[in-house]
Amino acid sequence: MPSLILLRSAARTPEHQARTILANLDQIADELNSGAIVVFTNDSIRIRSLPITR
């Protein structure tokens, strides 16, 4: 299943985005491999497994 990473922070340079993802990759790798939406904000990481059901 595909995954999505969404970066919602004030620092939007590609370098900062790459550092953010790489610094947290160990924490989110399993969810990304299983299919998830991962949202990075300035102060948190939210993970939602896919598929999203109601």
C-alpha atoms as a PDB file:
ATOM      1  CA  MET A   1       0.000   0.000   0.000  1.00  0.00           C
ATOM      2  CA  PRO A   2       1.378   3.461  -0.828  1.00  0.00           C
ATOM      3  CA  SER A   3       2.248   5.967   1.877  1.00  0.00           C
ATOM      4  CA  LEU A   4       2.330   9.744   2.124  1.00  0.00           C
ATOM      5  CA  ILE A   5       4.547  12.122   4.103  1.00  0.00           C
ATOM      6  CA  LEU A   6       3.142  15.611   4.668  1.00  0.00           C
ATOM      7  CA  LEU A   7       5.427  18.349   6.025  1.00  0.00           C
ATOM      8  CA  ARG A   8       3.510  21.166   7.699  1.00  0.00           C
ATOM      9  CA  SER A   9       6.161  23.322   9.307  1.00  0.00           C
ATOM     10  CA  ALA A  10       7.438  26.864   9.078  1.00  0.00           C
ATOM     11  CA  ALA A  11      10.833  25.782   7.692  1.00  0.00           C
ATOM     12  CA  ARG A  12      10.172  24.693   4.126  1.00  0.00           C
ATOM     13  CA  THR A  13      13.637  24.457   2.642  1.00  0.00           C
ATOM     14  CA  PRO A  14      14.431  21.116   1.020  1.00  0.00           C
ATOM     15  CA  GLU A  15      17.414  20.718   3.358  1.00  0.00           C
ATOM     16  CA  HIS A  16      15.262  21.127   6.471  1.00  0.00           C
ATOM     17  CA  GLN A  17      12.613  18.776   5.116  1.00  0.00           C
ATOM     18  CA  ALA A  18      15.208  16.101   4.342  1.00  0.00           C
ATOM     19  CA  ARG A  19      16.757  16.461   7.821  1.00  0.00           C
ATOM     20  CA  THR A  20      13.323  16.162   9.436  1.00  0.00           C
ATOM     21  CA  ILE A  21      12.447  12.982   7.556  1.00  0.00           C
ATOM     22  CA  LEU A  22      15.859  11.370   8.039  1.00  0.00           C
ATOM     23  CA  ALA A  23      15.974  12.225  11.752  1.00  0.00           C
ATOM     24  CA  ASN A  24      12.641  10.454  12.304  1.00  0.00           C
ATOM     25  CA  LEU A  25      12.818   7.653   9.752  1.00  0.00           C
ATOM     26  CA  ASP A  26      13.458   4.942  12.354  1.00  0.00           C
ATOM     27  CA  GLN A  27      10.234   5.950  14.140  1.00  0.00           C
ATOM     28  CA  ILE A  28       8.025   5.867  11.049  1.00  0.00           C
ATOM     29  CA  ALA A  29       9.599   3.174   8.829  1.00  0.00           C
ATOM     30  CA  ASP A  30       7.273   0.323   9.829  1.00  0.00           C
ATOM     31  CA  GLU A  31       4.156   2.443   9.314  1.00  0.00           C
ATOM     32  CA  LEU A  32       5.390   3.674   5.931  1.00  0.00           C
ATOM     33  CA  ASN A  33       6.067   0.098   4.825  1.00  0.00           C
ATOM     34  CA  SER A  34       2.551  -0.932   5.895  1.00  0.00           C
ATOM     35  CA  GLY A  35       0.852   2.086   4.295  1.00  0.00           C
ATOM     36  CA  ALA A  36       0.275   5.289   6.251  1.00  0.00           C
ATOM     37  CA  ILE A  37      -0.098   9.029   6.176  1.00  0.00           C
ATOM     38  CA  VAL A  38       2.630  10.664   8.259  1.00  0.00           C
ATOM     39  CA  VAL A  39       2.225  14.351   9.103  1.00  0.00           C
ATOM     40  CA  PHE A  40       5.126  16.359  10.500  1.00  0.00           C
ATOM     41  CA  THR A  41       4.311  19.670  12.194  1.00  0.00           C
ATOM     42  CA  ASN A  42       6.618  22.026  14.079  1.00  0.00           C
ATOM     43  CA  ASP A  43       6.105  20.090  17.324  1.00  0.00           C
ATOM     44  CA  SER A  44       4.609  16.684  16.548  1.00  0.00           C
ATOM     45  CA  ILE A  45       4.368  13.676  14.268  1.00  0.00           C
ATOM     46  CA  ARG A  46       0.944  12.176  13.505  1.00  0.00           C
ATOM     47  CA  ILE A  47       0.556   8.786  11.883  1.00  0.00           C
ATOM     48  CA  ARG A  48      -2.624   7.444  10.356  1.00  0.00           C
ATOM     49  CA  SER A  49      -2.695   3.890   8.987  1.00  0.00           C
ATOM     50  CA  LEU A  50      -4.187   3.249   5.586  1.00  0.00           C
ATOM     51  CA  PRO A  51      -6.790   2.523   4.418  1.00  0.00           C
ATOM     52  CA  ILE A  52      -8.786   5.071   6.358  1.00  0.00           C
ATOM     53  CA  THR A  53     -12.222   3.698   7.223  1.00  0.00           C
ATOM     54  CA  ARG A  54     -15.196   5.306   8.866  1.00  0.00           C
END
